[in-house]
Amino acid sequence: MTKKPKPLEEYTSKIERLIDANLNRLKEGLRVVEDVCRYIHNDTLLTPQIKTLRHQLQSAYSKERLKYRDIEGDTQKSSRKSELTRTSLDDIVIANFSRSQESARVLEELFKLQNIDLSELFKQLRYQLYSIEKLYFEHY
């Protein structure tokens, strides 16, 4: 017997929570890389590119989504040892590029359920991040 999939409506609050978490994660990762470029490297090429990406996220934000945020119920809010250990600036930058790229991918997939234009925005943003990461490590 084939199991019938649950209607999408049953997952609405959980999908909104997942979108909220990944928007936050993406914005935070971008901010770390942006600030490294700005304050450590005094970079005038990559800093504004990253800032522009961060501002593009605003179109996906919704204050209505905040009601689905569940910090107390988050089973993975504690840090792992590997997340607390960084031995170089490169470690920090790599971790935050990866965090941002992974979050962009999750958002790309989830917005396929709600808004194909936002899905495409996150796909393009992810590819821009791959390019910026390459440029960063070519320069620094």
C-alpha atoms as a PDB file:
ATOM      1  CA  MET A   1       0.000   0.000   0.000  1.00  0.00           C
ATOM      2  CA  THR A   2       1.380   3.410  -0.985  1.00  0.00           C
ATOM      3  CA  LYS A   3       1.499   5.982   1.767  1.00  0.00           C
ATOM      4  CA  LYS A   4      -0.391   9.156   0.846  1.00  0.00           C
ATOM      5  CA  PRO A   5       1.643  12.350   1.403  1.00  0.00           C
ATOM      6  CA  LYS A   6       0.339  14.804   3.975  1.00  0.00           C
ATOM      7  CA  PRO A   7      -1.199  18.002   2.623  1.00  0.00           C
ATOM      8  CA  LEU A   8       1.254  20.893   2.494  1.00  0.00           C
ATOM      9  CA  GLU A   9      -0.992  22.927   4.823  1.00  0.00           C
ATOM     10  CA  GLU A  10      -0.071  20.589   7.671  1.00  0.00           C
ATOM     11  CA  TYR A  11       3.518  21.774   7.405  1.00  0.00           C
ATOM     12  CA  THR A  12       2.924  25.518   7.035  1.00  0.00           C
ATOM     13  CA  SER A  13       4.111  26.548  10.492  1.00  0.00           C
ATOM     14  CA  LYS A  14       7.174  24.293  10.284  1.00  0.00           C
ATOM     15  CA  ILE A  15       8.076  25.541   6.810  1.00  0.00           C
ATOM     16  CA  GLU A  16       7.748  29.136   7.996  1.00  0.00           C
ATOM     17  CA  ARG A  17       9.981  28.336  10.978  1.00  0.00           C
ATOM     18  CA  LEU A  18      12.545  26.773   8.658  1.00  0.00           C
ATOM     19  CA  ILE A  19      12.473  29.796   6.345  1.00  0.00           C
ATOM     20  CA  ASP A  20      12.900  32.142   9.315  1.00  0.00           C
ATOM     21  CA  ALA A  21      15.887  30.197  10.661  1.00  0.00           C
ATOM     22  CA  ASN A  22      17.611  30.087   7.287  1.00  0.00           C
ATOM     23  CA  LEU A  23      17.022  33.762   6.543  1.00  0.00           C
ATOM     24  CA  ASN A  24      18.637  34.585   9.879  1.00  0.00           C
ATOM     25  CA  ARG A  25      21.523  32.184   9.276  1.00  0.00           C
ATOM     26  CA  LEU A  26      22.121  33.564   5.788  1.00  0.00           C
ATOM     27  CA  LYS A  27      22.052  37.179   6.916  1.00  0.00           C
ATOM     28  CA  GLU A  28      24.373  36.457   9.861  1.00  0.00           C
ATOM     29  CA  GLY A  29      26.883  34.587   7.680  1.00  0.00           C
ATOM     30  CA  LEU A  30      26.913  37.399   5.146  1.00  0.00           C
ATOM     31  CA  ARG A  31      27.451  39.962   7.889  1.00  0.00           C
ATOM     32  CA  VAL A  32      30.501  38.133   9.244  1.00  0.00           C
ATOM     33  CA  VAL A  33      32.143  37.926   5.807  1.00  0.00           C
ATOM     34  CA  GLU A  34      31.166  41.508   4.998  1.00  0.00           C
ATOM     35  CA  ASP A  35      32.717  42.789   8.212  1.00  0.00           C
ATOM     36  CA  VAL A  36      35.925  40.804   7.675  1.00  0.00           C
ATOM     37  CA  CYS A  37      36.211  42.328   4.211  1.00  0.00           C
ATOM     38  CA  ARG A  38      35.386  45.799   5.471  1.00  0.00           C
ATOM     39  CA  TYR A  39      37.259  46.093   8.752  1.00  0.00           C
ATOM     40  CA  ILE A  40      40.151  43.672   8.362  1.00  0.00           C
ATOM     41  CA  HIS A  41      40.941  43.980   4.650  1.00  0.00           C
ATOM     42  CA  ASN A  42      39.557  47.492   3.981  1.00  0.00           C
ATOM     43  CA  ASP A  43      38.155  45.902   0.846  1.00  0.00           C
ATOM     44  CA  THR A  44      36.280  48.193  -1.532  1.00  0.00           C
ATOM     45  CA  LEU A  45      35.380  45.533  -4.121  1.00  0.00           C
ATOM     46  CA  LEU A  46      33.817  42.650  -2.172  1.00  0.00           C
ATOM     47  CA  THR A  47      32.381  44.572   0.784  1.00  0.00           C
ATOM     48  CA  PRO A  48      29.713  46.418  -1.241  1.00  0.00           C
ATOM     49  CA  GLN A  49      28.872  43.245  -3.192  1.00  0.00           C
ATOM     50  CA  ILE A  50      28.198  41.343   0.018  1.00  0.00           C
ATOM     51  CA  LYS A  51      26.251  44.255   1.481  1.00  0.00           C
ATOM     52  CA  THR A  52      24.068  44.311  -1.646  1.00  0.00           C
ATOM     53  CA  LEU A  53      23.375  40.583  -1.289  1.00  0.00           C
ATOM     54  CA  ARG A  54      22.442  41.057   2.355  1.00  0.00           C
ATOM     55  CA  HIS A  55      20.000  43.823   1.450  1.00  0.00           C
ATOM     56  CA  GLN A  56      18.389  41.643  -1.242  1.00  0.00           C
ATOM     57  CA  LEU A  57      17.176  39.349   1.532  1.00  0.00           C
ATOM     58  CA  GLN A  58      14.713  41.977   2.736  1.00  0.00           C
ATOM     59  CA  SER A  59      12.204  41.038   0.042  1.00  0.00           C
ATOM     60  CA  ALA A  60      11.837  37.595   1.662  1.00  0.00           C
ATOM     61  CA  TYR A  61      11.305  38.848   5.215  1.00  0.00           C
ATOM     62  CA  SER A  62       7.889  38.867   6.797  1.00  0.00           C
ATOM     63  CA  LYS A  63       7.095  39.984  10.329  1.00  0.00           C
ATOM     64  CA  GLU A  64       4.215  37.474  10.197  1.00  0.00           C
ATOM     65  CA  ARG A  65       6.795  34.689  10.067  1.00  0.00           C
ATOM     66  CA  LEU A  66       8.111  35.647  13.520  1.00  0.00           C
ATOM     67  CA  LYS A  67       5.174  33.921  15.208  1.00  0.00           C
ATOM     68  CA  TYR A  68       6.632  30.598  14.023  1.00  0.00           C
ATOM     69  CA  ARG A  69      10.053  31.229  15.572  1.00  0.00           C
ATOM     70  CA  ASP A  70      10.663  28.733  18.378  1.00  0.00           C
ATOM     71  CA  ILE A  71      14.018  29.350  20.001  1.00  0.00           C
ATOM     72  CA  GLU A  72      13.135  27.382  23.141  1.00  0.00           C
ATOM     73  CA  GLY A  73      12.100  24.369  21.076  1.00  0.00           C
ATOM     74  CA  ASP A  74      15.221  24.351  18.899  1.00  0.00           C
ATOM     75  CA  THR A  75      16.935  21.027  19.494  1.00  0.00           C
ATOM     76  CA  GLN A  76      20.248  22.162  17.960  1.00  0.00           C
ATOM     77  CA  LYS A  77      20.774  25.614  19.467  1.00  0.00           C
ATOM     78  CA  SER A  78      23.778  24.479  21.478  1.00  0.00           C
ATOM     79  CA  SER A  79      27.099  24.800  19.675  1.00  0.00           C
ATOM     80  CA  ARG A  80      29.238  21.817  18.783  1.00  0.00           C
ATOM     81  CA  LYS A  81      32.904  21.813  19.713  1.00  0.00           C
ATOM     82  CA  SER A  82      33.887  22.253  16.048  1.00  0.00           C
ATOM     83  CA  GLU A  83      31.757  25.410  15.879  1.00  0.00           C
ATOM     84  CA  LEU A  84      33.584  26.898  18.851  1.00  0.00           C
ATOM     85  CA  THR A  85      37.074  26.234  17.526  1.00  0.00           C
ATOM     86  CA  ARG A  86      38.561  28.460  14.868  1.00  0.00           C
ATOM     87  CA  THR A  87      42.315  28.619  14.353  1.00  0.00           C
ATOM     88  CA  SER A  88      42.501  31.293  11.674  1.00  0.00           C
ATOM     89  CA  LEU A  89      40.624  34.067   9.969  1.00  0.00           C
ATOM     90  CA  ASP A  90      40.275  31.722   6.987  1.00  0.00           C
ATOM     91  CA  ASP A  91      38.398  29.248   9.222  1.00  0.00           C
ATOM     92  CA  ILE A  92      35.905  31.962  10.134  1.00  0.00           C
ATOM     93  CA  VAL A  93      35.441  33.109   6.551  1.00  0.00           C
ATOM     94  CA  ILE A  94      35.071  29.546   5.207  1.00  0.00           C
ATOM     95  CA  ALA A  95      32.522  28.669   7.897  1.00  0.00           C
ATOM     96  CA  ASN A  96      30.450  31.742   7.151  1.00  0.00           C
ATOM     97  CA  PHE A  97      30.567  31.407   3.374  1.00  0.00           C
ATOM     98  CA  SER A  98      29.466  27.781   3.806  1.00  0.00           C
ATOM     99  CA  ARG A  99      26.715  28.745   6.253  1.00  0.00           C
ATOM    100  CA  SER A 100      25.423  31.353   3.827  1.00  0.00           C
ATOM    101  CA  GLN A 101      25.560  29.100   0.767  1.00  0.00           C
ATOM    102  CA  GLU A 102      23.812  26.238   2.554  1.00  0.00           C
ATOM    103  CA  SER A 103      21.073  28.538   3.834  1.00  0.00           C
ATOM    104  CA  ALA A 104      20.578  30.015   0.371  1.00  0.00           C
ATOM    105  CA  ARG A 105      20.083  26.484  -0.969  1.00  0.00           C
ATOM    106  CA  VAL A 106      17.506  25.631   1.690  1.00  0.00           C
ATOM    107  CA  LEU A 107      15.626  28.855   0.944  1.00  0.00           C
ATOM    108  CA  GLU A 108      15.786  28.199  -2.786  1.00  0.00           C
ATOM    109  CA  GLU A 109      14.081  24.850  -2.237  1.00  0.00           C
ATOM    110  CA  LEU A 110      11.488  26.015   0.302  1.00  0.00           C
ATOM    111  CA  PHE A 111      10.385  29.023  -1.711  1.00  0.00           C
ATOM    112  CA  LYS A 112       9.567  26.661  -4.589  1.00  0.00           C
ATOM    113  CA  LEU A 113       6.509  25.882  -2.443  1.00  0.00           C
ATOM    114  CA  GLN A 114       5.511  29.532  -1.991  1.00  0.00           C
ATOM    115  CA  ASN A 115       7.097  31.963  -4.392  1.00  0.00           C
ATOM    116  CA  ILE A 116       9.113  30.899  -7.435  1.00  0.00           C
ATOM    117  CA  ASP A 117      10.568  34.406  -7.821  1.00  0.00           C
ATOM    118  CA  LEU A 118      12.079  34.216  -4.338  1.00  0.00           C
ATOM    119  CA  SER A 119      13.319  30.717  -5.095  1.00  0.00           C
ATOM    120  CA  GLU A 120      15.148  32.089  -8.113  1.00  0.00           C
ATOM    121  CA  LEU A 121      16.514  35.008  -6.052  1.00  0.00           C
ATOM    122  CA  PHE A 122      18.109  32.580  -3.589  1.00  0.00           C
ATOM    123  CA  LYS A 123      19.498  30.441  -6.388  1.00  0.00           C
ATOM    124  CA  GLN A 124      21.163  33.475  -7.963  1.00  0.00           C
ATOM    125  CA  LEU A 125      22.371  34.660  -4.566  1.00  0.00           C
ATOM    126  CA  ARG A 126      23.960  31.260  -3.917  1.00  0.00           C
ATOM    127  CA  TYR A 127      25.873  31.388  -7.195  1.00  0.00           C
ATOM    128  CA  GLN A 128      26.988  34.948  -6.469  1.00  0.00           C
ATOM    129  CA  LEU A 129      28.312  33.726  -3.136  1.00  0.00           C
ATOM    130  CA  TYR A 130      30.329  31.002  -4.864  1.00  0.00           C
ATOM    131  CA  SER A 131      31.915  33.683  -7.071  1.00  0.00           C
ATOM    132  CA  ILE A 132      32.580  36.079  -4.199  1.00  0.00           C
ATOM    133  CA  GLU A 133      34.137  33.271  -2.157  1.00  0.00           C
ATOM    134  CA  LYS A 134      36.495  32.466  -5.024  1.00  0.00           C
ATOM    135  CA  LEU A 135      37.457  36.135  -5.377  1.00  0.00           C
ATOM    136  CA  TYR A 136      37.988  36.451  -1.642  1.00  0.00           C
ATOM    137  CA  PHE A 137      40.472  33.579  -1.528  1.00  0.00           C
ATOM    138  CA  GLU A 138      42.232  34.783  -4.685  1.00  0.00           C
ATOM    139  CA  HIS A 139      42.876  38.119  -2.945  1.00  0.00           C
ATOM    140  CA  TYR A 140      43.377  37.071   0.676  1.00  0.00           C
END
